[in-house]
Amino acid sequence: MPTSPRFLGFCLGLLILLFGLRCWRTHRVFNDTADEAVHISAGLEMWRTGRYALEPQHPPLARLALALPAYLAGLRQRPGVPLWTGSDTEFYWRTLGLARLGNLIFAPFLLVYVYLWGSRLSGPQAGLAAAALVSFSPNLLAHAALATLDFAAAATMLICAYHLWRWTDQPGTGNCLAAALAFGFAALTKFSALVFLPLTAAFFLLTRRRRGPAIPAGAWKTAARQIGLFALLVSVLIWGGYWFETGPLPPAQFSAPPGGPSSELQQAIRNLLGQRSLPAPAFLAGVLDVIGHNSQGHACYLLGRVGQFGWWYYFPVALALKSTIPFLLLLILAAGFLAASPGRSETRQALAPLGAALVILLVSISSNLNLGVRHILAIYPFLALTAAVLFCRRGRRISLSRQALVTAAAVLVLWHAAESVAAHPDYLAYFNQIARGREEEFLLDSNLDWGQDLERLRLYLEQNKITAVSLSYFGRADPARLGIAGVRSLAADSPPAGWVAVSKAHIAGLALAGKDLSWLRARHPVARIGKSILVYYFPGREGIGLLEHPQDQQRETHQAN
C-alpha cells in the first residue's frame, strides 16, 4: 500500500467523510431515543439561562455541543413541559437532526487521533487500519448518530489517553499542558473519565518505568511541579465548563441507600460542605449523583433475566455479542502476535492502548449500571489500536509468515467493513452472528431497544391504513408528536381486540412498573418494526385496514424499513 502523506491523508479524510455521511443517513430514520431529549434539554437550559440544574448527573460539554445547532434553529425548553411540545413535526425532525449533527463534531478528532496514535505505535499503515476499524464500528456509528454523550466520551477519553501516554513517555511542560487540557475536556464530557483516565495514566507510568531507565532523584521535583500545574489547569477548565458558576451544593437527585458506604460518603461530604459557596457546585453534585445512582442500581437485562444491580459478566458478554466477528478475530490474532514476540518494541508499545482497554473493562464490571455496551463505548478505539499492531511493517524486510499475517488481517478489516455496511441503518441494534435473529434473548435496553423505532411504526400503520393501535412503548418519544393517532394504552391482563404494538423490552419485563406482558411471547407477530417493536393482531371488532385476514398472516414476519 502506498505510504505517501498525501495518499494517507486522502484515505483518512475519506474515512471521516464516510463516517459522517453514514451517521447523517440515519437521522430521519429514527425518532428521538430514550435519553436524547434530556441531554438536549440540559444543553438548551445552559445556553438560555447560563445555569446547569436540570440533570447534573452528566457534565455539560457534549450537551452544549449537541444543543447549540438546535438552539440557533429556535428550539427552546420550557420548564415542566416536554421538549418539542407545541411544535410542528417538521420542526421536530429539523432540530433533532441538528442536535445529532452537533454530536458529530467529535468524529474527526477521534479518527485523527486514532490514526496519529496508531502511526506512532506501529507505523502509518497500522494507523490507517486502526482508523478504518473505528470508522466502520457499528457501535461507534450508532452513538455518533444520536444526540447522546457516549460517543463524545469515547473521543475525549481516547484523546486524553494519548496525551497522558505522551506525557508519561516524554515528561515536559508542553505534554503536561496538552494532557491537562485533554483531561479537562474528558471530565466535562462524562464522569467515568475521572475513574478511567487516572488508572490508565498509572498503567502508562508503570510500564514506562519497567522499559526505561530509573527516574533521577532530582526529577521528582520537576514532576511535582508539573502535576501541580496539571491539577490547576484541570480545575480551571472544569470550573470554566460550568461557566464559572458558584453556589452551594444542590440537593441530591440520586441518594444511595441508607447504611452503606456510598450513603455515608454522600452524607459526610454534604455535612462538611453545608451551605458554603463552591466553584462549579453542579460538578460535585453530579459526581455524588452518579455514586448514588450506582448504589441504587437500575433495571437491566441479560440473558433472559431482569435485575437491578447487574452482573459482573454483563460487559464482557455485551462486548462479545455487539462487536463484529472479524473484529474479535483481529483481537485474538493481535493477542497471539504480542504473546509470541514479547521483546519487540512494537509489543511494548501496543501495551499502552491494550492496558487502557483493560482498565475500562475491569472498572466497568464492578458497576451496577448495566445499561448497554455504550457505557464502555470508549473501549473500541483502544481495541482498534491494539488490533492494528498486526499491520506493523517496521524494517525493510518482512518474512513470508509476517506477510501472511498482514494479509489475513487486511481481509478481516474488509469483512469488518462489510458487516458494518450491511447493518445500515440499524447500527444501534447490531449483533454479530452469535446472537443475530434472537437478540432479545441476550440483551435489551440501548443494545437493541432504546425507543428508536416509533417513526417506523408510524410508517407501517400509515401504509396499512391502521387507525387504532394499543401501544406499549419503551421510550420517551410522543406518538402524537410523530403523527400516530388512535393510540391506546395496552392492558397487561388480557389481549385487546385489534392491533397491538409492543416494544421488545416490555415483552421481556423491562421497565414495566409491575405489568406483565410475557403472555405475548407465545403469540406470533404480524410484523416486526425495525429491530425493536412487534405488531400483533387480535380478532375482534376493530378495523383491520388493508390486511384483510391478519390472523392468517400471524406466521408471516414483515420487516419494516
Protein backbone atom coordinates (compact mmCIF):
# COMPACT_ATOMS: atom_id res chain seq x y z
CA MET A 1 0.00 0.00 0.00
CA PRO A 2 1.35 3.50 -0.82
CA THR A 3 2.61 5.35 2.24
CA SER A 4 2.95 8.91 0.96
CA PRO A 5 1.50 11.51 3.35
CA ARG A 6 -0.86 12.76 0.63
CA PHE A 7 -2.33 9.31 -0.01
CA LEU A 8 -2.68 8.53 3.69
CA GLY A 9 -4.30 11.90 4.31
CA PHE A 10 -6.76 11.26 1.47
CA CYS A 11 -7.68 7.85 2.93
CA LEU A 12 -8.13 9.28 6.41
CA GLY A 13 -10.28 12.11 5.08
CA LEU A 14 -12.39 9.60 3.18
CA LEU A 15 -12.91 7.52 6.33
CA ILE A 16 -14.04 10.65 8.21
CA LEU A 17 -16.39 11.65 5.39
CA LEU A 18 -17.92 8.18 5.12
CA PHE A 19 -18.40 8.00 8.88
CA GLY A 20 -20.25 11.32 8.94
CA LEU A 21 -22.39 10.56 5.90
CA ARG A 22 -23.44 7.18 7.24
CA CYS A 23 -24.48 8.74 10.54
CA TRP A 24 -26.36 11.52 8.77
CA ARG A 25 -28.28 8.99 6.66
CA THR A 26 -29.86 7.59 9.87
CA HIS A 27 -31.08 10.90 11.27
CA ARG A 28 -34.51 10.80 9.66
CA VAL A 29 -34.97 7.05 10.15
CA PHE A 30 -35.03 7.03 13.95
CA ASN A 31 -37.11 9.22 16.26
CA ASP A 32 -35.51 10.51 19.45
CA THR A 33 -34.31 7.68 21.67
CA ALA A 34 -34.88 7.39 25.41
CA ASP A 35 -32.12 9.80 26.55
CA GLU A 36 -31.83 12.34 23.74
CA ALA A 37 -34.49 14.82 24.89
CA VAL A 38 -32.92 15.00 28.38
CA HIS A 39 -29.46 15.75 27.01
CA ILE A 40 -30.75 18.34 24.55
CA SER A 41 -32.89 19.99 27.25
CA ALA A 42 -29.95 20.27 29.65
CA GLY A 43 -27.81 21.86 26.95
CA LEU A 44 -30.59 24.26 25.97
CA GLU A 45 -31.05 25.28 29.59
CA MET A 46 -27.40 26.24 29.86
CA TRP A 47 -27.39 28.19 26.60
CA ARG A 48 -30.58 30.02 27.60
CA THR A 49 -30.00 30.72 31.30
CA GLY A 50 -26.31 30.09 31.95
CA ARG A 51 -27.29 27.64 34.71
CA TYR A 52 -26.92 23.87 34.83
CA ALA A 53 -29.52 22.39 37.15
CA LEU A 54 -31.89 20.26 35.06
CA GLU A 55 -29.96 16.98 35.36
CA PRO A 56 -26.38 17.29 36.64
CA GLN A 57 -25.59 13.55 36.59
CA HIS A 58 -23.65 14.20 33.38
CA PRO A 59 -21.23 17.08 32.69
CA PRO A 60 -22.22 19.82 30.22
CA LEU A 61 -19.63 19.88 27.40
CA ALA A 62 -21.17 17.39 24.96
CA ARG A 63 -24.66 18.60 25.83
CA LEU A 64 -23.67 22.15 24.92
CA ALA A 65 -22.22 20.92 21.63
CA LEU A 66 -25.29 18.98 20.56
CA ALA A 67 -27.79 21.60 21.80
CA LEU A 68 -26.16 24.61 20.11
CA PRO A 69 -27.30 23.94 16.49
CA ALA A 70 -30.86 23.24 17.67
CA TYR A 71 -30.79 26.34 19.89
CA LEU A 72 -29.71 28.50 16.96
CA ALA A 73 -32.57 26.97 14.95
CA GLY A 74 -35.07 28.18 17.56
CA LEU A 75 -35.57 25.16 19.82
CA ARG A 76 -36.27 26.10 23.44
CA GLN A 77 -37.06 24.16 26.62
CA ARG A 78 -39.91 25.41 28.77
CA PRO A 79 -39.77 24.43 32.47
CA GLY A 80 -42.03 21.48 33.23
CA VAL A 81 -43.04 20.99 29.59
CA PRO A 82 -41.74 18.10 27.43
CA LEU A 83 -39.36 19.10 24.67
CA TRP A 84 -40.96 19.87 21.26
CA THR A 85 -44.44 20.28 22.76
CA GLY A 86 -46.43 22.64 20.55
CA SER A 87 -44.01 22.47 17.62
CA ASP A 88 -44.82 21.01 14.22
CA THR A 89 -43.44 17.69 13.03
CA GLU A 90 -41.05 19.20 10.51
CA PHE A 91 -39.54 21.45 13.21
CA TYR A 92 -39.11 18.37 15.41
CA TRP A 93 -37.18 16.49 12.74
CA ARG A 94 -35.09 19.52 11.76
CA THR A 95 -33.99 20.39 15.29
CA LEU A 96 -33.44 16.75 16.27
CA GLY A 97 -31.25 16.31 13.20
CA LEU A 98 -29.28 19.46 14.03
CA ALA A 99 -28.70 18.24 17.59
CA ARG A 100 -27.42 14.94 16.23
CA LEU A 101 -25.12 16.83 13.86
CA GLY A 102 -23.74 18.63 16.91
CA ASN A 103 -22.53 15.28 18.22
CA LEU A 104 -20.61 14.59 15.01
CA ILE A 105 -18.16 17.39 15.77
CA PHE A 106 -16.22 14.83 17.82
CA ALA A 107 -15.84 12.34 14.93
CA PRO A 108 -12.91 13.98 13.07
CA PHE A 109 -10.98 14.39 16.31
CA LEU A 110 -11.45 10.74 17.23
CA LEU A 111 -10.39 9.39 13.85
CA VAL A 112 -7.41 11.73 13.51
CA TYR A 113 -6.12 10.83 16.97
CA VAL A 114 -6.60 7.10 16.36
CA TYR A 115 -4.57 7.44 13.17
CA LEU A 116 -1.93 9.55 14.90
CA TRP A 117 -1.52 7.14 17.83
CA GLY A 118 -1.56 4.07 15.62
CA SER A 119 1.12 5.62 13.40
CA ARG A 120 3.34 6.35 16.38
CA LEU A 121 2.86 2.83 17.72
CA SER A 122 3.24 0.71 14.60
CA GLY A 123 3.61 2.87 11.51
CA PRO A 124 1.25 4.72 9.14
CA GLN A 125 -0.36 1.54 7.72
CA ALA A 126 -1.30 0.50 11.23
CA GLY A 127 -2.64 3.97 11.96
CA LEU A 128 -4.86 3.85 8.88
CA ALA A 129 -6.03 0.32 9.74
CA ALA A 130 -6.99 1.45 13.26
CA ALA A 131 -8.89 4.42 11.83
CA ALA A 132 -10.72 2.10 9.43
CA LEU A 133 -11.72 -0.23 12.28
CA VAL A 134 -13.11 2.76 14.18
CA SER A 135 -14.83 4.28 11.15
CA PHE A 136 -16.68 1.01 10.44
CA SER A 137 -17.51 0.14 14.05
CA PRO A 138 -21.32 -0.32 14.26
CA ASN A 139 -21.40 0.72 17.91
CA LEU A 140 -19.43 3.92 17.37
CA LEU A 141 -21.58 4.75 14.34
CA ALA A 142 -24.74 4.13 16.36
CA HIS A 143 -23.92 6.54 19.15
CA ALA A 144 -22.26 9.15 16.95
CA ALA A 145 -25.58 9.37 15.07
CA LEU A 146 -27.58 10.26 18.21
CA ALA A 147 -27.76 13.33 20.42
CA THR A 148 -26.24 11.48 23.37
CA LEU A 149 -22.94 11.59 25.26
CA ASP A 150 -21.26 8.22 24.85
CA PHE A 151 -19.56 8.90 21.52
CA ALA A 152 -18.21 12.24 22.72
CA ALA A 153 -16.89 10.47 25.83
CA ALA A 154 -15.17 7.85 23.68
CA ALA A 155 -13.48 10.59 21.62
CA THR A 156 -12.34 12.79 24.50
CA MET A 157 -11.09 9.83 26.57
CA LEU A 158 -9.05 8.49 23.65
CA ILE A 159 -7.53 11.94 23.05
CA CYS A 160 -6.74 12.36 26.74
CA ALA A 161 -5.20 8.88 26.99
CA TYR A 162 -2.97 9.68 24.02
CA HIS A 163 -1.67 12.86 25.67
CA LEU A 164 -1.23 11.11 29.02
CA TRP A 165 0.80 8.45 27.19
CA ARG A 166 2.94 11.13 25.58
CA TRP A 167 3.41 12.91 28.91
CA THR A 168 4.46 9.77 30.79
CA ASP A 169 6.76 8.77 27.93
CA GLN A 170 8.30 12.21 27.43
CA PRO A 171 7.81 14.33 30.56
CA GLY A 172 7.78 18.01 29.80
CA THR A 173 5.72 21.14 30.28
CA GLY A 174 4.25 21.00 26.77
CA ASN A 175 3.00 17.44 27.13
CA CYS A 176 1.77 18.25 30.64
CA LEU A 177 -0.34 21.15 29.39
CA ALA A 178 -1.74 19.09 26.50
CA ALA A 179 -2.68 16.26 28.88
CA ALA A 180 -4.33 18.69 31.30
CA LEU A 181 -6.36 20.32 28.53
CA ALA A 182 -7.48 16.92 27.22
CA PHE A 183 -8.31 15.66 30.72
CA GLY A 184 -10.43 18.72 31.41
CA PHE A 185 -12.44 18.17 28.23
CA ALA A 186 -12.89 14.46 29.03
CA ALA A 187 -14.03 15.20 32.59
CA LEU A 188 -16.53 17.73 31.21
CA THR A 189 -17.95 15.09 28.87
CA LYS A 190 -18.60 12.14 31.19
CA PHE A 191 -17.78 11.48 34.84
CA SER A 192 -16.47 7.99 34.13
CA ALA A 193 -13.35 9.73 32.78
CA LEU A 194 -12.49 10.62 36.39
CA VAL A 195 -12.01 6.90 37.06
CA PHE A 196 -10.79 5.50 33.76
CA LEU A 197 -8.14 8.09 32.93
CA PRO A 198 -6.13 8.28 36.21
CA LEU A 199 -5.91 4.47 36.27
CA THR A 200 -4.85 4.50 32.63
CA ALA A 201 -2.16 7.09 33.37
CA ALA A 202 -0.92 4.93 36.26
CA PHE A 203 -0.65 1.97 33.89
CA PHE A 204 1.32 4.05 31.40
CA LEU A 205 3.67 5.23 34.14
CA LEU A 206 4.26 1.72 35.48
CA THR A 207 5.01 0.26 32.05
CA ARG A 208 7.34 3.18 31.28
CA ARG A 209 9.32 2.58 34.48
CA ARG A 210 9.75 -1.07 33.51
CA ARG A 211 11.03 -0.43 30.00
CA GLY A 212 13.01 2.76 30.64
CA PRO A 213 15.77 3.93 32.97
CA ALA A 214 15.03 4.83 36.56
CA ILE A 215 13.87 8.39 37.14
CA PRO A 216 16.68 10.52 38.62
CA ALA A 217 16.12 11.76 42.14
CA GLY A 218 16.15 15.41 41.08
CA ALA A 219 13.41 14.79 38.53
CA TRP A 220 10.81 14.26 41.24
CA LYS A 221 10.71 17.99 41.98
CA THR A 222 10.07 18.73 38.32
CA ALA A 223 7.39 16.03 38.23
CA ALA A 224 5.73 17.52 41.32
CA ARG A 225 5.64 20.96 39.71
CA GLN A 226 4.12 19.54 36.53
CA ILE A 227 1.50 17.60 38.48
CA GLY A 228 0.59 20.79 40.33
CA LEU A 229 0.30 22.66 37.03
CA PHE A 230 -1.83 19.83 35.65
CA ALA A 231 -4.21 19.92 38.63
CA LEU A 232 -4.52 23.72 38.49
CA LEU A 233 -5.30 23.81 34.77
CA VAL A 234 -7.81 20.94 35.01
CA SER A 235 -9.58 22.69 37.92
CA VAL A 236 -9.87 25.96 35.99
CA LEU A 237 -11.11 24.16 32.88
CA ILE A 238 -13.79 22.27 34.78
CA TRP A 239 -14.95 25.43 36.51
CA GLY A 240 -14.99 27.23 33.17
CA GLY A 241 -17.00 24.38 31.67
CA TYR A 242 -19.72 25.24 34.18
CA TRP A 243 -19.34 28.90 33.19
CA PHE A 244 -17.59 29.79 36.45
CA GLU A 245 -20.78 29.28 38.44
CA THR A 246 -20.54 29.43 42.25
CA GLY A 247 -23.06 28.44 44.88
CA PRO A 248 -24.00 25.83 47.49
CA LEU A 249 -24.15 22.13 46.69
CA PRO A 250 -27.54 21.34 45.07
CA PRO A 251 -29.83 18.71 46.62
CA ALA A 252 -29.17 15.11 45.62
CA GLN A 253 -31.20 13.70 42.74
CA PHE A 254 -29.91 10.18 43.43
CA SER A 255 -29.32 9.17 47.04
CA ALA A 256 -27.50 5.98 47.96
CA PRO A 257 -29.49 3.51 50.12
CA PRO A 258 -29.01 4.31 53.83
CA GLY A 259 -26.44 2.38 55.78
CA GLY A 260 -23.96 1.62 53.01
CA PRO A 261 -20.53 3.18 52.42
CA SER A 262 -21.82 5.21 49.46
CA SER A 263 -24.58 6.72 51.58
CA GLU A 264 -22.11 7.57 54.34
CA LEU A 265 -19.75 9.19 51.84
CA GLN A 266 -22.52 11.29 50.30
CA GLN A 267 -23.77 12.40 53.70
CA ALA A 268 -20.29 13.15 55.04
CA ILE A 269 -19.47 15.39 52.05
CA ARG A 270 -22.78 17.23 52.30
CA ASN A 271 -22.38 17.72 56.05
CA LEU A 272 -18.85 19.01 55.57
CA LEU A 273 -19.77 21.49 52.85
CA GLY A 274 -23.12 22.59 54.23
CA GLN A 275 -24.29 25.77 52.51
CA ARG A 276 -20.82 27.01 51.64
CA SER A 277 -20.44 28.62 48.24
CA LEU A 278 -18.42 26.38 45.93
CA PRO A 279 -16.98 26.72 42.43
CA ALA A 280 -18.89 24.56 39.93
CA PRO A 281 -21.26 23.07 42.54
CA ALA A 282 -23.12 21.13 39.82
CA PHE A 283 -19.92 19.24 39.04
CA LEU A 284 -19.59 17.85 42.56
CA ALA A 285 -23.35 17.28 42.73
CA GLY A 286 -23.15 15.27 39.51
CA VAL A 287 -20.33 13.08 40.84
CA LEU A 288 -22.32 12.40 44.02
CA ASP A 289 -25.43 11.63 41.97
CA VAL A 290 -23.50 9.07 39.92
CA ILE A 291 -22.36 7.42 43.16
CA GLY A 292 -25.94 7.42 44.43
CA HIS A 293 -27.36 6.09 41.18
CA ASN A 294 -24.80 3.29 41.08
CA SER A 295 -25.69 2.36 44.66
CA GLN A 296 -29.41 2.31 43.82
CA GLY A 297 -28.81 0.22 40.73
CA HIS A 298 -31.02 0.38 37.65
CA ALA A 299 -33.35 -2.08 35.96
CA CYS A 300 -31.23 -4.07 33.49
CA TYR A 301 -31.44 -7.18 31.35
CA LEU A 302 -29.08 -10.00 30.44
CA LEU A 303 -29.62 -13.49 29.03
CA GLY A 304 -33.37 -13.50 29.68
CA ARG A 305 -33.17 -12.13 33.22
CA VAL A 306 -34.17 -8.74 34.61
CA GLY A 307 -32.10 -7.42 37.50
CA GLN A 308 -31.47 -4.24 39.47
CA PHE A 309 -27.75 -4.36 40.20
CA GLY A 310 -26.35 -6.04 37.11
CA TRP A 311 -23.87 -8.86 36.68
CA TRP A 312 -20.09 -8.78 36.68
CA TYR A 313 -20.01 -10.52 33.28
CA TYR A 314 -22.51 -8.13 31.63
CA PHE A 315 -19.97 -6.03 29.73
CA PRO A 316 -17.79 -8.95 28.57
CA VAL A 317 -20.95 -10.59 27.17
CA ALA A 318 -22.08 -7.33 25.55
CA LEU A 319 -18.64 -6.82 24.03
CA ALA A 320 -18.63 -10.36 22.63
CA LEU A 321 -22.11 -10.05 21.08
CA LYS A 322 -22.09 -6.43 19.91
CA SER A 323 -18.68 -6.49 18.20
CA THR A 324 -18.24 -7.86 14.70
CA ILE A 325 -16.79 -11.37 14.44
CA PRO A 326 -13.82 -10.17 12.33
CA PHE A 327 -13.01 -7.52 14.91
CA LEU A 328 -12.93 -10.17 17.63
CA LEU A 329 -10.75 -12.38 15.43
CA LEU A 330 -8.35 -9.47 14.88
CA LEU A 331 -8.04 -9.05 18.64
CA ILE A 332 -7.31 -12.77 19.08
CA LEU A 333 -4.65 -12.62 16.37
CA ALA A 334 -3.15 -9.48 17.89
CA ALA A 335 -3.02 -11.12 21.33
CA GLY A 336 -1.25 -14.12 19.84
CA PHE A 337 1.19 -11.90 17.96
CA LEU A 338 2.02 -9.88 21.08
CA ALA A 339 2.43 -13.01 23.20
CA ALA A 340 4.74 -14.56 20.60
CA SER A 341 7.03 -11.52 20.45
CA PRO A 342 7.30 -10.15 24.00
CA GLY A 343 10.67 -8.48 23.48
CA ARG A 344 9.90 -6.46 20.37
CA SER A 345 9.44 -2.71 20.52
CA GLU A 346 6.01 -2.86 18.84
CA THR A 347 4.88 -5.31 21.52
CA ARG A 348 5.87 -2.96 24.33
CA GLN A 349 4.28 -0.02 22.54
CA ALA A 350 1.00 -1.85 21.90
CA LEU A 351 0.60 -2.50 25.61
CA ALA A 352 -0.47 1.15 26.09
CA PRO A 353 -3.87 1.02 24.30
CA LEU A 354 -4.40 -2.59 25.40
CA GLY A 355 -3.86 -1.55 29.02
CA ALA A 356 -6.33 1.32 28.64
CA ALA A 357 -8.93 -1.08 27.22
CA LEU A 358 -8.43 -3.48 30.12
CA VAL A 359 -8.78 -0.65 32.63
CA ILE A 360 -12.15 0.31 31.11
CA LEU A 361 -13.38 -3.28 31.12
CA LEU A 362 -12.16 -4.14 34.64
CA VAL A 363 -13.60 -0.99 36.18
CA SER A 364 -16.92 -1.45 34.38
CA ILE A 365 -17.54 -5.00 35.61
CA SER A 366 -17.95 -3.59 39.13
CA SER A 367 -20.69 -1.17 38.02
CA ASN A 368 -24.32 -1.67 38.99
CA LEU A 369 -25.48 0.29 35.93
CA ASN A 370 -25.61 -2.32 33.17
CA LEU A 371 -27.45 -0.25 30.57
CA GLY A 372 -25.70 -1.13 27.34
CA VAL A 373 -22.36 -1.52 25.62
CA ARG A 374 -22.45 2.27 25.27
CA HIS A 375 -21.16 2.51 28.85
CA ILE A 376 -17.88 1.04 27.63
CA LEU A 377 -18.01 2.58 24.15
CA ALA A 378 -14.62 4.19 24.82
CA ILE A 379 -13.03 0.73 24.73
CA TYR A 380 -13.42 0.38 20.95
CA PRO A 381 -10.77 2.89 19.79
CA PHE A 382 -8.24 1.34 22.19
CA LEU A 383 -9.04 -2.16 20.95
CA ALA A 384 -8.73 -0.94 17.35
CA LEU A 385 -5.24 0.37 18.15
CA THR A 386 -4.36 -2.98 19.71
CA ALA A 387 -5.56 -4.91 16.65
CA ALA A 388 -3.66 -2.55 14.33
CA VAL A 389 -0.33 -3.85 15.64
CA LEU A 390 -0.82 -6.68 13.14
CA PHE A 391 -0.08 -4.16 10.38
CA CYS A 392 3.28 -3.13 11.80
CA ARG A 393 5.84 -3.11 8.96
CA ARG A 394 8.89 -1.63 10.64
CA GLY A 395 12.10 -2.64 8.90
CA ARG A 396 12.88 -3.17 5.23
CA ARG A 397 12.42 -6.93 5.06
CA ILE A 398 9.30 -8.82 6.05
CA SER A 399 9.14 -12.60 6.33
CA LEU A 400 6.60 -14.64 4.42
CA SER A 401 4.80 -15.60 7.64
CA ARG A 402 4.61 -11.95 8.65
CA GLN A 403 3.26 -11.02 5.22
CA ALA A 404 0.63 -13.74 5.51
CA LEU A 405 -0.45 -12.35 8.88
CA VAL A 406 -0.79 -8.85 7.42
CA THR A 407 -2.83 -10.23 4.53
CA ALA A 408 -5.15 -12.13 6.88
CA ALA A 409 -5.59 -9.02 9.00
CA ALA A 410 -6.44 -6.96 5.91
CA VAL A 411 -9.10 -9.49 4.92
CA LEU A 412 -10.61 -9.29 8.40
CA VAL A 413 -10.71 -5.49 8.22
CA LEU A 414 -12.61 -5.73 4.91
CA TRP A 415 -15.03 -8.25 6.47
CA HIS A 416 -15.50 -5.88 9.42
CA ALA A 417 -16.33 -3.07 6.99
CA ALA A 418 -18.77 -5.27 5.07
CA GLU A 419 -20.57 -6.22 8.30
CA SER A 420 -20.90 -2.54 9.14
CA VAL A 421 -22.26 -1.58 5.73
CA ALA A 422 -24.77 -4.45 5.82
CA ALA A 423 -26.04 -3.27 9.22
CA HIS A 424 -27.16 0.15 7.90
CA PRO A 425 -29.14 1.90 9.30
CA ASP A 426 -29.57 -0.31 12.38
CA TYR A 427 -26.14 0.25 13.92
CA LEU A 428 -27.68 0.66 17.38
CA ALA A 429 -29.28 -2.80 17.24
CA TYR A 430 -26.26 -4.51 15.67
CA PHE A 431 -25.45 -8.01 16.94
CA ASN A 432 -22.98 -10.42 15.44
CA GLN A 433 -23.83 -13.90 14.15
CA ILE A 434 -23.73 -15.44 17.64
CA ALA A 435 -26.99 -13.73 18.65
CA ARG A 436 -28.41 -12.44 15.37
CA GLY A 437 -32.10 -13.18 14.90
CA ARG A 438 -32.71 -13.77 18.62
CA GLU A 439 -31.07 -10.67 20.08
CA GLU A 440 -33.70 -10.14 22.79
CA GLU A 441 -32.71 -13.45 24.37
CA PHE A 442 -29.33 -11.92 25.21
CA LEU A 443 -29.50 -8.13 25.63
CA LEU A 444 -32.02 -5.29 25.51
CA ASP A 445 -32.09 -1.61 26.52
CA SER A 446 -29.78 0.59 24.45
CA ASN A 447 -28.21 -2.52 22.93
CA LEU A 448 -31.38 -3.26 20.95
CA ASP A 449 -34.48 -1.38 22.04
CA TRP A 450 -33.97 2.26 23.00
CA GLY A 451 -37.29 3.54 21.69
CA GLN A 452 -35.82 4.28 18.26
CA ASP A 453 -38.45 2.66 16.02
CA LEU A 454 -41.61 4.65 16.76
CA GLU A 455 -41.34 6.55 13.46
CA ARG A 456 -41.04 3.25 11.62
CA LEU A 457 -44.22 2.12 13.40
CA ARG A 458 -45.98 5.27 12.18
CA LEU A 459 -44.99 4.48 8.60
CA TYR A 460 -46.22 0.90 8.94
CA LEU A 461 -49.59 1.99 10.36
CA GLU A 462 -49.94 4.62 7.64
CA GLN A 463 -49.07 2.23 4.81
CA ASN A 464 -51.61 -0.31 6.06
CA LYS A 465 -54.31 2.26 6.90
CA ILE A 466 -54.47 1.18 10.54
CA THR A 467 -56.26 3.92 12.51
CA ALA A 468 -56.20 2.50 16.05
CA VAL A 469 -53.49 0.65 17.95
CA SER A 470 -52.88 -0.45 21.53
CA LEU A 471 -49.30 0.52 22.32
CA SER A 472 -46.76 -0.44 24.99
CA TYR A 473 -43.68 1.58 24.08
CA PHE A 474 -40.23 1.58 25.67
CA GLY A 475 -39.12 5.16 25.10
CA ARG A 476 -39.91 8.81 25.71
CA ALA A 477 -40.92 9.95 22.22
CA ASP A 478 -44.51 11.18 21.95
CA PRO A 479 -46.59 9.13 19.45
CA ALA A 480 -48.85 12.13 18.84
CA ARG A 481 -45.84 14.31 18.02
CA LEU A 482 -44.89 11.84 15.28
CA GLY A 483 -48.44 11.75 13.93
CA ILE A 484 -49.60 8.42 15.36
CA ALA A 485 -53.31 8.83 16.12
CA GLY A 486 -55.69 6.46 17.84
CA VAL A 487 -53.15 5.23 20.39
CA ARG A 488 -54.45 3.40 23.45
CA SER A 489 -52.52 2.06 26.41
CA LEU A 490 -52.07 -1.69 26.33
CA ALA A 491 -53.62 -3.54 29.28
CA ALA A 492 -51.48 -6.24 30.83
CA ASP A 493 -54.08 -8.81 31.79
CA SER A 494 -55.64 -9.95 28.50
CA PRO A 495 -55.31 -9.46 24.73
CA PRO A 496 -57.28 -6.46 23.47
CA ALA A 497 -59.23 -6.56 20.23
CA GLY A 498 -57.49 -5.18 17.18
CA TRP A 499 -53.94 -4.03 16.58
CA VAL A 500 -51.25 -4.16 19.24
CA ALA A 501 -47.68 -2.80 19.07
CA VAL A 502 -45.21 -3.66 21.83
CA SER A 503 -41.55 -2.90 22.41
CA LYS A 504 -39.39 -5.98 22.88
CA ALA A 505 -38.14 -4.57 26.19
CA HIS A 506 -41.67 -4.58 27.58
CA ILE A 507 -42.33 -8.13 26.49
CA ALA A 508 -39.20 -9.14 28.39
CA GLY A 509 -40.44 -7.33 31.51
CA LEU A 510 -38.02 -4.40 31.44
CA ALA A 511 -39.29 -1.02 32.72
CA LEU A 512 -42.92 -2.15 33.01
CA ALA A 513 -43.73 -0.97 36.56
CA GLY A 514 -45.28 -4.27 37.61
CA LYS A 515 -47.14 -5.06 34.37
CA ASP A 516 -46.71 -8.49 32.84
CA LEU A 517 -46.75 -8.84 29.06
CA SER A 518 -44.93 -12.15 28.96
CA TRP A 519 -48.07 -13.81 27.53
CA LEU A 520 -47.18 -12.18 24.22
CA ARG A 521 -44.15 -14.47 23.86
CA ALA A 522 -46.44 -17.31 22.82
CA ARG A 523 -48.06 -15.18 20.09
CA HIS A 524 -46.80 -14.83 16.53
CA PRO A 525 -46.31 -11.20 15.48
CA VAL A 526 -47.84 -9.96 12.24
CA ALA A 527 -44.88 -7.63 11.70
CA ARG A 528 -41.52 -6.68 13.13
CA ILE A 529 -40.93 -2.94 13.05
CA GLY A 530 -37.24 -2.22 12.71
CA LYS A 531 -35.43 -4.20 15.36
CA SER A 532 -37.39 -3.30 18.49
CA ILE A 533 -41.20 -3.30 18.05
CA LEU A 534 -43.52 -6.23 17.38
CA VAL A 535 -47.01 -5.82 15.93
CA TYR A 536 -49.85 -8.25 16.69
CA TYR A 537 -53.46 -8.55 15.62
CA PHE A 538 -56.21 -9.99 17.82
CA PRO A 539 -59.56 -10.57 16.04
CA GLY A 540 -62.46 -8.52 17.34
CA ARG A 541 -64.50 -5.51 16.43
CA GLU A 542 -61.59 -3.30 15.44
CA GLY A 543 -60.96 -2.49 11.76
CA ILE A 544 -58.06 -4.26 10.15
CA GLY A 545 -57.10 -1.80 7.44
CA LEU A 546 -55.66 -3.18 4.22
CA LEU A 547 -54.76 -6.56 5.67
CA GLU A 548 -57.99 -8.46 5.20
CA HIS A 549 -57.06 -11.56 7.17
CA PRO A 550 -54.16 -10.75 9.53
CA GLN A 551 -54.97 -13.78 11.63
CA ASP A 552 -53.96 -15.87 8.63
CA GLN A 553 -50.68 -13.97 8.45
CA GLN A 554 -49.54 -14.42 12.02
CA ARG A 555 -46.97 -16.93 10.86
CA GLU A 556 -45.53 -14.35 8.49
CA THR A 557 -42.98 -11.82 9.61
CA HIS A 558 -42.67 -8.41 8.00
CA GLN A 559 -39.56 -6.30 8.49
CA ALA A 560 -40.48 -2.62 8.19
CA ASN A 561 -37.79 -0.48 6.58
